[in-house]
Every structure is written in structure tokens, then in C-alpha cells.
Amino acid sequence: MLTPMQTIDPLTTAAPSANAMANLAEQFFTAAISGGALAHGYVLKGKNTSTLYQLALSIAQALNCSNPPQRPFGTEAPLTLSSLSCGQCKDCRWISRNAHPAVMTLSRLTYQVNEKGELMSPEELEKQAKKASAPTQIKTDQIGQLIHRLGVSSEACRVVIFTDVEERPASQASTVPPPYEWQCIEANAEKSFHVRPLDRSVFNAFSVNKFLKTLEEPPPKTLFLFLTETEEQLLDTIVSRCQVVPCLAPQSPLQEEGSQSAYADFYDKLRQHLQRKGDIYQLVADFQAAFIEGQGLSATQALNEFQQFLRQRFVTTPVDAASFASYRILQQSLEKTIAVVEAKAHENASLLNLFIELSKQLKSASLP
């Protein structure tokens, strides 16, 4: 049976252009990797799945670079994700072309098996691709193949990227380096394959159940990344075992100096409220006066900017695991509140519940 590394020469394959990823998620993973605080599983959520996929490859490079740049003593320039890898060693070049054996993409069209339970050959993949209907789910046999590969000892850090895929005309080239199986399928010159966000329908109950124990207790040096638009699109059994990282573009200086400083002032006022055990209703009134009445924002706009402020504050400040859990609860509360406000129902009550939850989490953890 042929393997990806036996059928492709990653060092001579042309590399596609990479998207710029100077965003808050990069800052978060830079701090987690450089500080040795990387968890075993993350849900990367954002609107552009190709950008999420490129971020996953950048993380894989930072974890597997065989010649990481040395940081001169006394250097004050902030670390970046790209500064954690050289980009020139064999491992970095393999990963940039999505041809490294330690970087695995699991989708409906990868790790497919034939009737004998073996990985499909390029010829079988090509034949499968020409059928009228493509697989609609990740099946247990595919999960079994992944678990088998993870069971083989390796010095590399394995990075498993879960994503969905869609077929498009061959004229619409993908912006990300395709996994080995997609390259084989594309040999028919009729289709191109593009990463898409995961949703609940991609998994079935049997494949998820087969994978959960591995997700809970992964082999050493293994990282799982799930690409989706929102965590609500994934099964709760997956989300509950991972950390959710929003992948957003950085704010403009105008935003940072303007409304964000106002949210910083309000955040400080919230902390003072906890110290003196003030009236939670007054916090709601202060929030409305400062942003809804004072700046002419809608409640939804004000909450979206407050959420962005919390995200930026969190990812630029090192925190422990308990604080991350509290931060995640806050973000979930914010998203629920925004949904209720957008439905124009119970705005004041929703804001009140939000600030009660925010106060509770600030009391229980050392959030930045």
C-alpha cells in the first residue's frame, strides 16, 4: 500500500501562497507554544476556513521545526508564530506543502478505506471521485485508520486537522495546499477540493464514539484542531473536550484607541463593583449609558465590541487553565446574550444575566 510520503516529493512541489495571519489567534498560539502551555485540542472558529487551515499548518511548523530560530539575548521584539519556525528546514518545507507524515487532515474524503478495510490506493480514490455521490460523513473506518496512525510511535508532534470539504470546478483552485488524497482525486482534472467548516452532520454517532477516548487521552505530542464557524455547529461531546479559539483579524488603531479604551474603563469599573459589592443593576445602566446612549450603538453592536475587547485582552495575557475555562464561559454567555438581543427579546434581562455571569467568573478565576 502506498503512503503519502512514498508518492509525493514535498521538497520539489511548488508551494502555494500563504494567507497573512497577523491576528489574535496567532498571538494566543504563540504564547501557548512558547510557554509550554498548549492543550491537546482546540476548536478554531472563524468565517474563513482556508485561513483557519493555514493557521493550523503554521502551528504544525512551530511545533515541528528542526532548526527553530534562536532569539538573541535581550531582544525586545514580540514573538510571532512565524518566528518560532525557520521555514527552511525539511520539516518546515514538508508542512508548508501539506506533505508531512505528522500533519494529518481528516475529512469525508481522507483516510477512506476499500472493501478490504485498507487505505484506498490513488487509483481507487480516483475511481471513487468519479462516482455520482461523494461520502457524506466521516465514518468509523476512517477514524480507525487515524487511531492506528497515532498509535505508531513518532518523535514528531502530530497535528490532526479536522475539516469538511466541498467540490468545485477545476477552474477554482484551492488557496490551501491539499492533502495527499485530494491531490490524487484532482488527477481527473474535473474538480478542485476546498476546505469547508465542520458541522454536526459530518460526524455520525458511531465515528464520534470511536474517537472520543482518543480525544480525551491522546497519545503524547498530539494536537487536534477542529475548523468551524461557531462551536454550536460541532457536537457538544467534541467541544466540551477542547478549547475554543476565535480567529479574528486584528483591530485597527482607531478601534483600539477609541471604543476599546472605553470598554477597558468599563471593565475596570466592573472590577471595582466586585470589590465593593455594588448593585448589578447599576452596571447594566452604566453599560447602556456609556455605549448605547453615549456612543449611539445598538445593543448588539455594543456587545460585539465588548466581546472583541475581552478576546483581545485574554489572548495577549498569559492565564492558567482555570482562567481559560472561565473565559470560555464568559464568551458563551456573551454569544447567548447577543442572540437574544438580536431577536429583540428581553434585552434588559439578558444584559442583567450577562453581568451576573461575568461577575461570577471574575470572582472565581484570575481573568486578565
Protein backbone atom coordinates (compact mmCIF):
# COMPACT_ATOMS: atom_id res chain seq x y z
CA MET A 1 0.00 0.00 0.00
CA LEU A 2 1.40 3.37 -0.97
CA THR A 3 1.66 6.10 1.63
CA PRO A 4 1.65 9.87 1.02
CA MET A 5 5.35 10.15 1.66
CA GLN A 6 6.10 7.44 -0.91
CA THR A 7 4.19 9.10 -3.72
CA ILE A 8 4.98 12.80 -3.36
CA ASP A 9 8.23 14.74 -3.20
CA PRO A 10 7.40 17.72 -0.96
CA LEU A 11 10.76 19.39 -1.49
CA THR A 12 10.20 19.84 -5.20
CA THR A 13 6.48 20.62 -5.20
CA ALA A 14 5.58 24.27 -5.76
CA ALA A 15 4.28 25.89 -2.58
CA PRO A 16 1.07 27.93 -2.72
CA SER A 17 0.93 31.46 -1.42
CA ALA A 18 0.01 31.67 2.26
CA ASN A 19 -2.54 33.99 3.78
CA ALA A 20 -1.34 36.64 6.23
CA MET A 21 -2.32 35.56 9.71
CA ALA A 22 -1.33 38.50 11.93
CA ASN A 23 -4.33 38.13 14.25
CA LEU A 24 -5.23 37.49 17.84
CA ALA A 25 -5.38 33.72 17.40
CA GLU A 26 -1.75 33.74 16.29
CA GLN A 27 -0.81 35.67 19.41
CA PHE A 28 -2.65 33.13 21.53
CA PHE A 29 -0.90 30.11 20.00
CA THR A 30 2.46 31.86 20.03
CA ALA A 31 2.14 32.38 23.78
CA ALA A 32 0.84 28.84 24.36
CA ILE A 33 3.63 27.16 22.36
CA SER A 34 6.49 29.33 23.64
CA GLY A 35 5.22 28.98 27.20
CA GLY A 36 4.73 25.21 27.02
CA ALA A 37 1.02 25.59 27.78
CA LEU A 38 -0.51 24.05 24.67
CA ALA A 39 -3.63 21.98 25.27
CA HIS A 40 -4.40 18.77 23.36
CA GLY A 41 -7.44 20.01 21.43
CA TYR A 42 -8.75 23.29 20.05
CA VAL A 43 -11.78 24.40 18.09
CA LEU A 44 -10.65 27.10 15.65
CA LYS A 45 -13.68 29.13 14.73
CA GLY A 46 -13.92 31.81 12.07
CA LYS A 47 -15.58 32.75 8.81
CA ASN A 48 -12.65 31.86 6.51
CA THR A 49 -11.88 28.14 6.74
CA SER A 50 -8.90 28.46 4.39
CA THR A 51 -7.35 30.94 6.81
CA LEU A 52 -8.02 28.56 9.71
CA TYR A 53 -6.32 25.77 7.78
CA GLN A 54 -3.26 27.93 7.10
CA LEU A 55 -3.13 28.76 10.80
CA ALA A 56 -3.17 25.03 11.59
CA LEU A 57 -0.20 24.47 9.26
CA SER A 58 1.66 27.38 10.87
CA ILE A 59 1.09 25.81 14.29
CA ALA A 60 2.40 22.50 12.94
CA GLN A 61 5.54 24.24 11.68
CA ALA A 62 6.15 25.90 15.03
CA LEU A 63 5.84 22.53 16.77
CA ASN A 64 7.98 20.51 14.34
CA CYS A 65 10.68 22.87 13.06
CA SER A 66 14.04 21.07 13.29
CA ASN A 67 16.00 24.31 13.29
CA PRO A 68 13.99 26.92 15.24
CA PRO A 69 15.47 30.44 15.16
CA GLN A 70 17.46 31.42 18.22
CA ARG A 71 16.21 34.57 19.89
CA PRO A 72 19.14 36.89 20.73
CA PHE A 73 19.51 37.69 24.41
CA GLY A 74 17.79 40.92 25.31
CA THR A 75 15.60 41.02 22.19
CA GLU A 76 12.53 43.12 22.91
CA ALA A 77 10.57 42.48 19.71
CA PRO A 78 7.45 40.40 20.47
CA LEU A 79 7.37 36.76 19.45
CA THR A 80 5.21 35.80 16.49
CA LEU A 81 4.05 32.39 15.34
CA SER A 82 6.27 32.58 12.26
CA SER A 83 9.29 33.41 14.45
CA LEU A 84 9.00 30.00 16.14
CA SER A 85 9.99 28.16 12.95
CA CYS A 86 12.72 28.68 10.36
CA GLY A 87 10.55 27.96 7.32
CA GLN A 88 13.57 26.45 5.53
CA CYS A 89 14.31 23.10 7.14
CA LYS A 90 12.97 19.86 5.68
CA ASP A 91 10.14 19.63 8.21
CA CYS A 92 9.01 23.22 7.61
CA ARG A 93 9.02 22.75 3.85
CA TRP A 94 7.13 19.48 4.09
CA ILE A 95 4.46 21.10 6.23
CA SER A 96 4.16 24.19 4.01
CA ARG A 97 3.26 21.79 1.18
CA ASN A 98 1.00 19.70 3.42
CA ALA A 99 3.12 16.61 2.84
CA HIS A 100 4.48 15.92 6.32
CA PRO A 101 3.51 12.49 7.74
CA ALA A 102 2.91 14.05 11.17
CA VAL A 103 0.31 16.52 9.83
CA MET A 104 -2.94 14.74 9.07
CA THR A 105 -6.19 16.06 7.63
CA LEU A 106 -9.33 14.13 8.47
CA SER A 107 -12.36 14.87 6.28
CA ARG A 108 -15.03 12.97 4.40
CA LEU A 109 -12.52 12.48 1.57
CA THR A 110 -9.40 11.45 3.51
CA TYR A 111 -8.39 8.15 5.08
CA GLN A 112 -11.01 6.36 3.00
CA VAL A 113 -10.83 2.58 3.02
CA ASN A 114 -11.79 -0.05 0.46
CA GLU A 115 -13.88 -3.18 0.97
CA LYS A 116 -10.87 -4.94 2.48
CA GLY A 117 -10.54 -2.26 5.16
CA GLU A 118 -7.31 -0.93 3.65
CA LEU A 119 -6.49 2.64 2.72
CA MET A 120 -7.57 3.33 -0.83
CA SER A 121 -4.85 3.50 -3.46
CA PRO A 122 -4.62 6.52 -5.79
CA GLU A 123 -6.45 4.51 -8.45
CA GLU A 124 -9.25 3.64 -6.04
CA LEU A 125 -9.51 7.24 -4.87
CA GLU A 126 -9.78 8.38 -8.48
CA LYS A 127 -12.48 5.83 -9.17
CA GLN A 128 -14.35 6.85 -6.02
CA ALA A 129 -14.20 10.53 -7.01
CA LYS A 130 -15.84 9.84 -10.37
CA LYS A 131 -18.90 8.34 -8.73
CA ALA A 132 -22.04 10.46 -8.74
CA SER A 133 -22.16 10.76 -4.95
CA ALA A 134 -19.27 11.50 -2.60
CA PRO A 135 -19.15 10.29 1.02
CA THR A 136 -21.32 12.49 3.22
CA GLN A 137 -19.79 11.68 6.62
CA ILE A 138 -16.57 10.76 8.36
CA LYS A 139 -17.01 7.04 9.01
CA THR A 140 -15.71 4.73 11.72
CA ASP A 141 -13.24 3.07 9.34
CA GLN A 142 -11.62 6.46 8.71
CA ILE A 143 -11.40 7.13 12.45
CA GLY A 144 -9.89 3.67 12.86
CA GLN A 145 -7.18 4.49 10.31
CA LEU A 146 -6.38 7.72 12.14
CA ILE A 147 -6.17 5.99 15.53
CA HIS A 148 -3.90 3.35 14.03
CA ARG A 149 -1.52 6.00 12.68
CA LEU A 150 -1.49 7.82 16.01
CA GLY A 151 -0.61 4.55 17.72
CA VAL A 152 2.70 4.38 15.84
CA SER A 153 5.45 5.97 17.92
CA SER A 154 6.94 9.15 16.50
CA GLU A 155 9.39 11.83 17.57
CA ALA A 156 7.36 14.45 15.68
CA CYS A 157 4.42 16.36 17.10
CA ARG A 158 1.34 15.01 15.33
CA VAL A 159 -1.19 17.67 14.30
CA VAL A 160 -4.59 16.35 13.22
CA ILE A 161 -6.78 18.84 11.33
CA PHE A 162 -10.50 18.07 11.16
CA THR A 163 -12.33 19.89 8.38
CA ASP A 164 -15.10 19.40 5.87
CA VAL A 165 -14.55 19.58 2.11
CA GLU A 166 -16.54 20.65 -0.92
CA GLU A 167 -16.09 20.03 -4.61
CA ARG A 168 -15.83 22.90 -7.06
CA PRO A 169 -14.95 23.20 -10.76
CA ALA A 170 -11.27 22.68 -11.53
CA SER A 171 -11.02 26.32 -12.63
CA GLN A 172 -11.49 27.39 -9.00
CA ALA A 173 -8.16 26.46 -7.49
CA SER A 174 -7.90 25.98 -3.75
CA THR A 175 -5.90 28.51 -1.75
CA VAL A 176 -4.55 25.88 0.66
CA PRO A 177 -2.12 23.02 -0.08
CA PRO A 178 -4.36 19.96 -0.47
CA PRO A 179 -3.82 16.74 1.50
CA TYR A 180 -2.42 13.76 -0.38
CA GLU A 181 -5.80 12.13 -1.01
CA TRP A 182 -7.23 15.30 -2.54
CA GLN A 183 -4.24 15.57 -4.84
CA CYS A 184 -4.94 12.05 -6.09
CA ILE A 185 -8.60 12.87 -6.65
CA GLU A 186 -7.75 16.06 -8.52
CA ALA A 187 -5.92 13.99 -11.11
CA ASN A 188 -9.20 13.73 -13.00
CA ALA A 189 -8.80 17.46 -13.87
CA GLU A 190 -12.53 17.99 -13.45
CA LYS A 191 -12.79 19.06 -9.83
CA SER A 192 -10.99 21.04 -7.19
CA PHE A 193 -11.46 20.48 -3.49
CA HIS A 194 -11.80 23.21 -0.89
CA VAL A 195 -11.81 23.14 2.91
CA ARG A 196 -15.16 23.91 4.50
CA PRO A 197 -16.20 24.39 8.14
CA LEU A 198 -17.25 21.34 10.09
CA ASP A 199 -20.82 20.87 11.20
CA ARG A 200 -22.67 18.21 13.14
CA SER A 201 -23.71 16.24 10.06
CA VAL A 202 -20.09 15.44 9.09
CA PHE A 203 -19.77 13.03 12.02
CA ASN A 204 -22.08 10.16 12.87
CA ALA A 205 -22.64 8.77 16.34
CA PHE A 206 -20.50 5.69 15.72
CA SER A 207 -17.45 7.55 14.39
CA VAL A 208 -17.58 10.11 17.21
CA ASN A 209 -17.88 7.46 19.91
CA LYS A 210 -14.90 5.62 18.44
CA PHE A 211 -12.83 8.80 18.60
CA LEU A 212 -13.81 10.33 21.96
CA LYS A 213 -11.45 8.27 24.11
CA THR A 214 -8.53 9.26 21.86
CA LEU A 215 -9.59 12.91 22.11
CA GLU A 216 -9.76 12.65 25.91
CA GLU A 217 -6.49 10.74 26.27
CA PRO A 218 -4.41 11.47 23.15
CA PRO A 219 -1.01 9.90 22.53
CA PRO A 220 1.99 12.02 23.57
CA LYS A 221 2.79 15.05 21.41
CA THR A 222 -0.55 15.02 19.61
CA LEU A 223 -2.69 18.07 18.85
CA PHE A 224 -6.25 18.03 17.50
CA LEU A 225 -7.65 21.06 15.64
CA PHE A 226 -11.30 21.33 14.57
CA LEU A 227 -12.15 24.02 11.99
CA THR A 228 -15.64 25.51 12.14
CA GLU A 229 -17.54 28.79 12.01
CA THR A 230 -19.01 28.50 15.51
CA GLU A 231 -18.72 25.86 18.20
CA GLU A 232 -22.51 25.41 18.08
CA GLN A 233 -22.01 23.70 14.71
CA LEU A 234 -19.98 20.94 16.36
CA LEU A 235 -21.15 18.13 18.59
CA ASP A 236 -21.11 19.05 22.27
CA THR A 237 -19.07 15.92 23.03
CA ILE A 238 -16.23 17.36 20.91
CA VAL A 239 -16.47 20.98 22.05
CA SER A 240 -16.52 20.01 25.74
CA ARG A 241 -13.14 18.30 25.34
CA CYS A 242 -11.44 21.21 23.56
CA GLN A 243 -10.67 24.89 24.00
CA VAL A 244 -12.41 27.29 21.63
CA VAL A 245 -10.24 29.92 19.97
CA PRO A 246 -11.90 32.68 17.91
CA CYS A 247 -9.82 33.59 14.86
CA LEU A 248 -10.36 37.26 14.14
CA ALA A 249 -8.48 39.94 12.28
CA PRO A 250 -6.65 42.48 14.46
CA GLN A 251 -8.39 45.70 15.24
CA SER A 252 -7.41 48.96 13.67
CA PRO A 253 -5.55 51.56 15.77
CA LEU A 254 -8.69 53.71 15.66
CA GLN A 255 -10.75 50.95 17.22
CA GLU A 256 -8.10 50.22 19.83
CA GLU A 257 -7.73 53.86 20.86
CA GLY A 258 -11.43 54.68 20.66
CA SER A 259 -14.16 52.32 21.75
CA GLN A 260 -11.76 49.72 23.12
CA SER A 261 -10.36 52.15 25.67
CA ALA A 262 -13.94 52.87 26.73
CA TYR A 263 -14.50 49.15 27.26
CA ALA A 264 -11.28 49.00 29.28
CA ASP A 265 -12.67 51.73 31.54
CA PHE A 266 -15.92 49.83 31.92
CA TYR A 267 -14.04 46.60 32.66
CA ASP A 268 -12.15 48.37 35.45
CA LYS A 269 -15.44 49.70 36.77
CA LEU A 270 -16.73 46.12 36.80
CA ARG A 271 -13.77 45.01 38.90
CA GLN A 272 -14.38 47.88 41.33
CA HIS A 273 -18.01 46.81 41.51
CA LEU A 274 -16.92 43.37 42.70
CA GLN A 275 -14.69 44.82 45.39
CA ARG A 276 -17.42 46.99 46.89
CA LYS A 277 -20.26 44.54 46.16
CA GLY A 278 -22.23 47.15 44.28
CA ASP A 279 -25.62 46.94 42.61
CA ILE A 280 -25.57 44.75 39.48
CA TYR A 281 -28.47 46.76 38.07
CA GLN A 282 -26.26 49.84 38.12
CA LEU A 283 -23.72 48.03 35.96
CA VAL A 284 -26.38 47.41 33.33
CA ALA A 285 -27.37 51.08 33.46
CA ASP A 286 -23.72 52.15 33.18
CA PHE A 287 -23.19 49.89 30.17
CA GLN A 288 -26.26 51.27 28.42
CA ALA A 289 -25.34 54.87 29.25
CA ALA A 290 -21.74 54.50 28.05
CA PHE A 291 -22.23 52.60 24.81
CA ILE A 292 -25.86 52.50 23.76
CA GLU A 293 -26.85 56.03 24.70
CA GLY A 294 -23.41 57.68 24.87
CA GLN A 295 -21.96 56.30 21.60
CA GLY A 296 -25.23 55.69 19.75
CA LEU A 297 -24.54 51.97 19.33
CA SER A 298 -27.19 49.33 19.17
CA ALA A 299 -27.16 46.78 21.98
CA THR A 300 -25.85 44.18 19.53
CA GLN A 301 -23.02 46.46 18.37
CA ALA A 302 -22.07 47.30 21.95
CA LEU A 303 -21.97 43.64 22.96
CA ASN A 304 -19.98 42.64 19.87
CA GLU A 305 -17.34 45.27 20.66
CA PHE A 306 -17.27 44.22 24.32
CA GLN A 307 -16.73 40.62 23.21
CA GLN A 308 -13.89 41.74 20.96
CA PHE A 309 -12.32 43.65 23.85
CA LEU A 310 -12.41 40.56 26.09
CA ARG A 311 -10.90 38.39 23.35
CA GLN A 312 -8.04 40.79 22.76
CA ARG A 313 -7.39 41.22 26.47
CA PHE A 314 -7.35 37.47 27.04
CA VAL A 315 -5.12 36.35 24.18
CA THR A 316 -2.45 38.93 24.96
CA THR A 317 -2.18 37.97 28.65
CA PRO A 318 -0.91 34.57 29.91
CA VAL A 319 -3.53 32.75 32.03
CA ASP A 320 -3.90 29.36 33.67
CA ALA A 321 -6.30 26.57 32.73
CA ALA A 322 -8.96 27.61 35.25
CA SER A 323 -8.97 31.14 33.88
CA PHE A 324 -9.31 29.80 30.33
CA ALA A 325 -12.39 27.82 31.40
CA SER A 326 -13.91 30.94 32.95
CA TYR A 327 -13.10 32.97 29.85
CA ARG A 328 -14.83 30.38 27.68
CA ILE A 329 -17.96 30.54 29.88
CA LEU A 330 -17.95 34.32 29.52
CA GLN A 331 -17.74 34.10 25.75
CA GLN A 332 -20.60 31.60 25.65
CA SER A 333 -22.69 33.91 27.86
CA LEU A 334 -21.92 36.82 25.56
CA GLU A 335 -22.91 34.89 22.46
CA LYS A 336 -26.19 33.80 24.06
CA THR A 337 -26.93 37.37 25.12
CA ILE A 338 -26.17 38.69 21.64
CA ALA A 339 -28.51 36.09 20.12
CA VAL A 340 -31.34 37.11 22.47
CA VAL A 341 -30.77 40.82 21.87
CA GLU A 342 -30.71 40.28 18.09
CA ALA A 343 -34.09 38.59 18.44
CA LYS A 344 -35.28 41.79 20.17
CA ALA A 345 -36.42 39.89 23.21
CA HIS A 346 -35.77 40.65 26.89
CA GLU A 347 -32.79 42.95 26.28
CA ASN A 348 -32.55 44.31 29.85
CA ALA A 349 -32.97 40.89 31.43
CA SER A 350 -30.35 39.45 29.10
CA LEU A 351 -27.85 42.17 29.98
CA LEU A 352 -28.56 41.63 33.66
CA ASN A 353 -27.93 37.87 33.38
CA LEU A 354 -24.76 38.54 31.39
CA PHE A 355 -23.24 40.79 34.04
CA ILE A 356 -24.23 38.40 36.81
CA GLU A 357 -22.30 35.65 34.98
CA LEU A 358 -19.40 37.99 34.29
CA SER A 359 -19.19 38.93 37.98
CA LYS A 360 -19.34 35.26 38.99
CA GLN A 361 -16.47 34.31 36.69
CA LEU A 362 -14.31 37.25 37.75
CA LYS A 363 -14.74 36.14 41.34
CA SER A 364 -13.83 32.51 40.65
CA ALA A 365 -10.75 32.96 38.43
CA SER A 366 -7.89 35.37 37.83
CA LEU A 367 -9.00 36.71 34.49
CA PRO A 368 -6.76 39.40 32.97
